[in-house]
Amino acid sequence: MPKKVLVLEDESSIRSFVVINLGRAGYEPIEAGTAEEAFERITENPDIQVALLDIMLPGEMNGLEVCRRLRAANPAMGIIMLTAKAQEVDKVTGLMNGADDYITKPFSTPELIARVDVMFRRVGGTPEAAAPAKLVSGPFSLDLTSRTLHKNGERIKLTGIEFDIVTIFLENPGKAFSRQEILSKVWTNGNGSDTKIVDVNIRRLRIKLEDDPTNPVYINTIWSFGYKWGE
């Protein structure tokens, strides 16, 4: 099965760089220069599993809106935002709109391929053979085979990143994890010391899992350290 990656980037030089290197790494890049072209390519290639989205795009729709629509249509897709150093607010906004990761321009070929490799392992990965098929905690049931989560029997749609974070928590109830530990376990491509991406994903998870996200019961904050599941 071809490993298709949507490359949405309006700057032709950057897009060419990404496309050439993805091709050399064994991926099948699908190019788009505008949001409208991106949705056309997705319609033509419904088996696209990973998307690289530039935030700044020509036209009325930017990369953040494309991200939001892609995530709403396909919770399992791996989404990586391409951002500039000055776009700190957009990074957080992109994550809150469903992105799994981001790469800051300019980026190197090894970093690009590593991030895409991680996304593909996540969207197409399977649990380890020794792992139990399901993890249960209170009203939650996590199925490691189908990579689904249910609360009181009702399915909760998670991104690949969100699923991996919940898995860590349910495998270790009551254990406190530092932000850096979560970063290392989930973003195995090494997102450096930028632990903000962990906090944003925790915020997204609380919105989905907690009855009252402002007063969390399941994902608890350990101040100045990190997070743990349960009391």
Protein backbone atom coordinates (compact mmCIF):
# COMPACT_ATOMS: atom_id res chain seq x y z
CA MET A 1 0.00 0.00 0.00
CA PRO A 2 1.49 3.40 -0.95
CA LYS A 3 2.34 5.69 1.95
CA LYS A 4 0.69 8.90 0.81
CA VAL A 5 1.47 12.26 2.39
CA LEU A 6 -0.43 15.44 1.59
CA VAL A 7 2.01 18.36 1.26
CA LEU A 8 0.12 21.65 1.49
CA GLU A 9 2.64 24.46 1.02
CA ASP A 10 2.24 27.54 -1.17
CA GLU A 11 5.97 28.30 -1.50
CA SER A 12 7.11 26.17 -4.43
CA SER A 13 10.74 25.97 -3.28
CA ILE A 14 9.79 24.59 0.14
CA ARG A 15 7.19 22.28 -1.37
CA SER A 16 9.72 20.90 -3.85
CA PHE A 17 12.23 20.31 -1.05
CA VAL A 18 9.63 18.39 0.98
CA VAL A 19 8.32 16.41 -1.99
CA ILE A 20 11.77 15.36 -3.20
CA ASN A 21 12.91 14.18 0.21
CA LEU A 22 9.68 12.37 1.02
CA GLY A 23 9.95 10.56 -2.30
CA ARG A 24 13.52 9.52 -1.54
CA ALA A 25 12.35 8.17 1.82
CA GLY A 26 9.76 5.92 0.17
CA TYR A 27 6.68 8.07 0.57
CA GLU A 28 4.24 9.17 -2.13
CA PRO A 29 3.80 12.95 -1.71
CA ILE A 30 0.56 14.52 -2.92
CA GLU A 31 1.12 18.22 -3.66
CA ALA A 32 -1.17 21.18 -3.09
CA GLY A 33 -0.50 24.92 -3.11
CA THR A 34 -3.84 26.14 -1.76
CA ALA A 35 -6.48 24.91 0.65
CA GLU A 36 -8.87 24.29 -2.23
CA GLU A 37 -6.29 22.15 -4.04
CA ALA A 38 -5.66 20.22 -0.84
CA PHE A 39 -9.29 19.16 -0.52
CA GLU A 40 -9.34 18.20 -4.21
CA ARG A 41 -6.26 16.00 -3.71
CA ILE A 42 -7.82 14.37 -0.65
CA THR A 43 -10.99 13.61 -2.60
CA GLU A 44 -8.85 12.03 -5.31
CA ASN A 45 -6.69 10.20 -2.74
CA PRO A 46 -8.88 9.14 0.19
CA ASP A 47 -6.09 6.84 1.41
CA ILE A 48 -3.85 9.74 2.46
CA GLN A 49 -2.76 8.99 6.02
CA VAL A 50 -0.54 11.93 6.92
CA ALA A 51 -0.81 15.64 6.07
CA LEU A 52 1.84 18.36 6.22
CA LEU A 53 0.06 21.73 6.39
CA ASP A 54 1.58 25.18 6.07
CA ILE A 55 -0.25 27.73 8.21
CA MET A 56 0.12 30.73 5.91
CA LEU A 57 -1.73 30.11 2.64
CA PRO A 58 -3.12 32.29 -0.16
CA GLY A 59 -6.87 32.74 -0.34
CA GLU A 60 -9.55 32.87 2.33
CA MET A 61 -8.69 29.59 4.06
CA ASN A 62 -5.44 29.15 6.00
CA GLY A 63 -3.76 25.99 7.22
CA LEU A 64 -5.44 26.14 10.61
CA GLU A 65 -8.89 25.90 9.03
CA VAL A 66 -7.71 23.07 6.77
CA CYS A 67 -6.45 21.28 9.90
CA ARG A 68 -9.77 21.71 11.68
CA ARG A 69 -11.74 20.35 8.72
CA LEU A 70 -9.40 17.41 8.15
CA ARG A 71 -9.53 16.45 11.81
CA ALA A 72 -13.33 16.64 11.87
CA ALA A 73 -13.51 14.41 8.79
CA ASN A 74 -10.79 11.93 9.81
CA PRO A 75 -9.82 11.61 13.51
CA ALA A 76 -7.15 9.02 12.65
CA MET A 77 -5.15 11.11 10.16
CA GLY A 78 -1.69 12.24 11.26
CA ILE A 79 -1.42 16.04 10.91
CA ILE A 80 1.82 18.01 11.13
CA MET A 81 1.78 21.81 10.89
CA LEU A 82 4.59 23.71 9.16
CA THR A 83 5.18 26.91 11.12
CA ALA A 84 7.57 29.85 11.25
CA LYS A 85 9.48 30.74 14.40
CA ALA A 86 7.32 33.81 15.00
CA GLN A 87 4.06 31.83 14.88
CA GLU A 88 4.00 30.69 18.53
CA VAL A 89 0.29 31.46 18.93
CA ASP A 90 -0.51 29.64 15.69
CA LYS A 91 1.34 26.55 16.94
CA VAL A 92 -0.93 26.31 19.97
CA THR A 93 -4.00 27.12 17.88
CA GLY A 94 -3.05 24.40 15.40
CA LEU A 95 -2.72 21.84 18.16
CA MET A 96 -6.07 22.84 19.64
CA ASN A 97 -7.63 22.45 16.20
CA GLY A 98 -6.42 18.87 15.93
CA ALA A 99 -2.79 18.88 14.77
CA ASP A 100 -0.57 16.16 16.20
CA ASP A 101 2.79 17.86 15.81
CA TYR A 102 4.54 20.78 14.18
CA ILE A 103 7.84 21.48 12.44
CA THR A 104 9.39 24.93 12.63
CA LYS A 105 10.90 26.36 9.46
CA PRO A 106 13.63 26.06 8.41
CA PHE A 107 13.87 22.33 9.07
CA SER A 108 16.35 19.68 8.01
CA THR A 109 15.69 16.57 5.93
CA PRO A 110 16.33 14.17 8.86
CA GLU A 111 13.88 16.07 11.06
CA LEU A 112 11.21 16.09 8.34
CA ILE A 113 11.51 12.35 7.68
CA ALA A 114 11.64 11.50 11.38
CA ARG A 115 8.41 13.39 12.09
CA VAL A 116 6.62 11.77 9.15
CA ASP A 117 7.96 8.31 10.09
CA VAL A 118 6.53 8.70 13.59
CA MET A 119 3.14 9.75 12.25
CA PHE A 120 2.97 6.76 9.93
CA ARG A 121 3.92 4.33 12.68
CA ARG A 122 1.18 5.84 14.80
CA VAL A 123 -1.65 5.83 12.24
CA GLY A 124 -0.76 2.38 10.96
CA GLY A 125 0.76 0.88 14.06
CA THR A 126 -0.42 -2.05 16.13
CA PRO A 127 -0.03 -2.66 19.86
CA GLU A 128 2.75 -4.86 21.13
CA ALA A 129 1.91 -8.56 21.23
CA ALA A 130 2.39 -8.78 24.99
CA ALA A 131 0.03 -5.90 25.71
CA PRO A 132 -3.50 -6.60 26.95
CA ALA A 133 -6.27 -6.11 24.40
CA LYS A 134 -8.13 -3.64 26.62
CA LEU A 135 -7.44 -1.28 29.47
CA VAL A 136 -10.31 -0.31 31.76
CA SER A 137 -10.45 2.54 34.25
CA GLY A 138 -13.71 3.71 35.77
CA PRO A 139 -16.11 4.58 32.93
CA PHE A 140 -13.34 4.27 30.33
CA SER A 141 -12.49 1.28 28.16
CA LEU A 142 -9.45 1.54 25.88
CA ASP A 143 -9.17 -1.04 23.09
CA LEU A 144 -5.54 -1.36 21.99
CA THR A 145 -6.37 -3.48 18.96
CA SER A 146 -8.89 -1.15 17.34
CA ARG A 147 -7.29 1.93 18.98
CA THR A 148 -10.62 3.19 20.28
CA LEU A 149 -11.75 4.68 23.58
CA HIS A 150 -15.23 4.44 25.08
CA LYS A 151 -16.68 6.28 28.07
CA ASN A 152 -19.77 4.65 29.56
CA GLY A 153 -20.09 2.68 26.32
CA GLU A 154 -20.00 5.75 24.09
CA ARG A 155 -17.06 6.16 21.76
CA ILE A 156 -14.81 9.19 22.12
CA LYS A 157 -12.94 10.15 18.97
CA LEU A 158 -9.22 10.63 19.60
CA THR A 159 -6.30 11.60 17.44
CA GLY A 160 -3.34 9.22 17.33
CA ILE A 161 -1.40 11.43 19.74
CA GLU A 162 -4.31 11.65 22.17
CA PHE A 163 -4.77 7.86 22.08
CA ASP A 164 -1.10 7.29 22.93
CA ILE A 165 -1.26 9.70 25.87
CA VAL A 166 -4.37 8.02 27.28
CA THR A 167 -2.68 4.62 26.84
CA ILE A 168 0.28 5.76 28.94
CA PHE A 169 -2.06 6.97 31.68
CA LEU A 170 -4.28 3.88 31.75
CA GLU A 171 -1.27 1.57 31.75
CA ASN A 172 0.05 3.46 34.80
CA PRO A 173 -2.91 4.71 36.87
CA GLY A 174 -1.82 6.94 39.73
CA LYS A 175 1.74 7.33 38.41
CA ALA A 176 2.92 10.89 37.89
CA PHE A 177 4.64 11.61 34.58
CA SER A 178 6.69 14.71 33.93
CA ARG A 179 5.96 16.68 30.79
CA GLN A 180 9.34 15.65 29.44
CA GLU A 181 8.56 11.95 30.04
CA ILE A 182 5.29 12.23 28.14
CA LEU A 183 7.06 14.12 25.38
CA SER A 184 9.72 11.41 25.06
CA LYS A 185 7.22 8.54 25.12
CA VAL A 186 4.72 9.97 22.64
CA TRP A 187 6.76 12.24 20.38
CA THR A 188 9.59 9.76 19.92
CA ASN A 189 11.13 11.94 17.21
CA GLY A 190 12.50 14.17 19.95
CA ASN A 191 10.61 17.47 20.13
CA GLY A 192 13.42 18.86 22.22
CA SER A 193 12.50 20.78 25.36
CA ASP A 194 9.28 22.21 23.94
CA THR A 195 6.85 20.66 26.42
CA LYS A 196 4.08 23.12 25.54
CA ILE A 197 2.84 20.58 22.99
CA VAL A 198 2.11 18.21 25.91
CA ASP A 199 0.06 20.83 27.77
CA VAL A 200 -2.01 21.62 24.69
CA ASN A 201 -2.82 17.96 24.08
CA ILE A 202 -3.75 17.49 27.74
CA ARG A 203 -6.10 20.47 27.39
CA ARG A 204 -7.69 18.84 24.34
CA LEU A 205 -8.06 15.54 26.16
CA ARG A 206 -9.73 17.13 29.16
CA ILE A 207 -12.31 18.72 26.87
CA LYS A 208 -13.09 15.28 25.47
CA LEU A 209 -12.86 13.14 28.63
CA GLU A 210 -13.82 15.22 31.63
CA ASP A 211 -17.38 16.04 32.68
CA ASP A 212 -16.03 19.46 33.70
CA PRO A 213 -12.70 20.23 31.97
CA THR A 214 -12.08 23.14 34.38
CA ASN A 215 -12.28 20.75 37.33
CA PRO A 216 -10.62 17.55 36.04
CA VAL A 217 -11.15 14.26 37.83
CA TYR A 218 -9.27 11.87 35.55
CA ILE A 219 -6.26 13.82 34.24
CA ASN A 220 -4.76 15.60 37.21
CA THR A 221 -2.03 18.22 37.15
CA ILE A 222 1.06 17.77 39.31
CA TRP A 223 2.13 21.37 39.67
CA SER A 224 5.59 22.23 38.37
CA PHE A 225 5.99 18.64 37.22
CA GLY A 226 3.41 17.04 34.94
CA TYR A 227 0.29 14.91 35.02
CA LYS A 228 -1.17 11.68 36.34
CA TRP A 229 -4.35 9.63 35.84
CA GLY A 230 -6.75 9.45 38.76
CA GLU A 231 -6.36 10.51 42.36
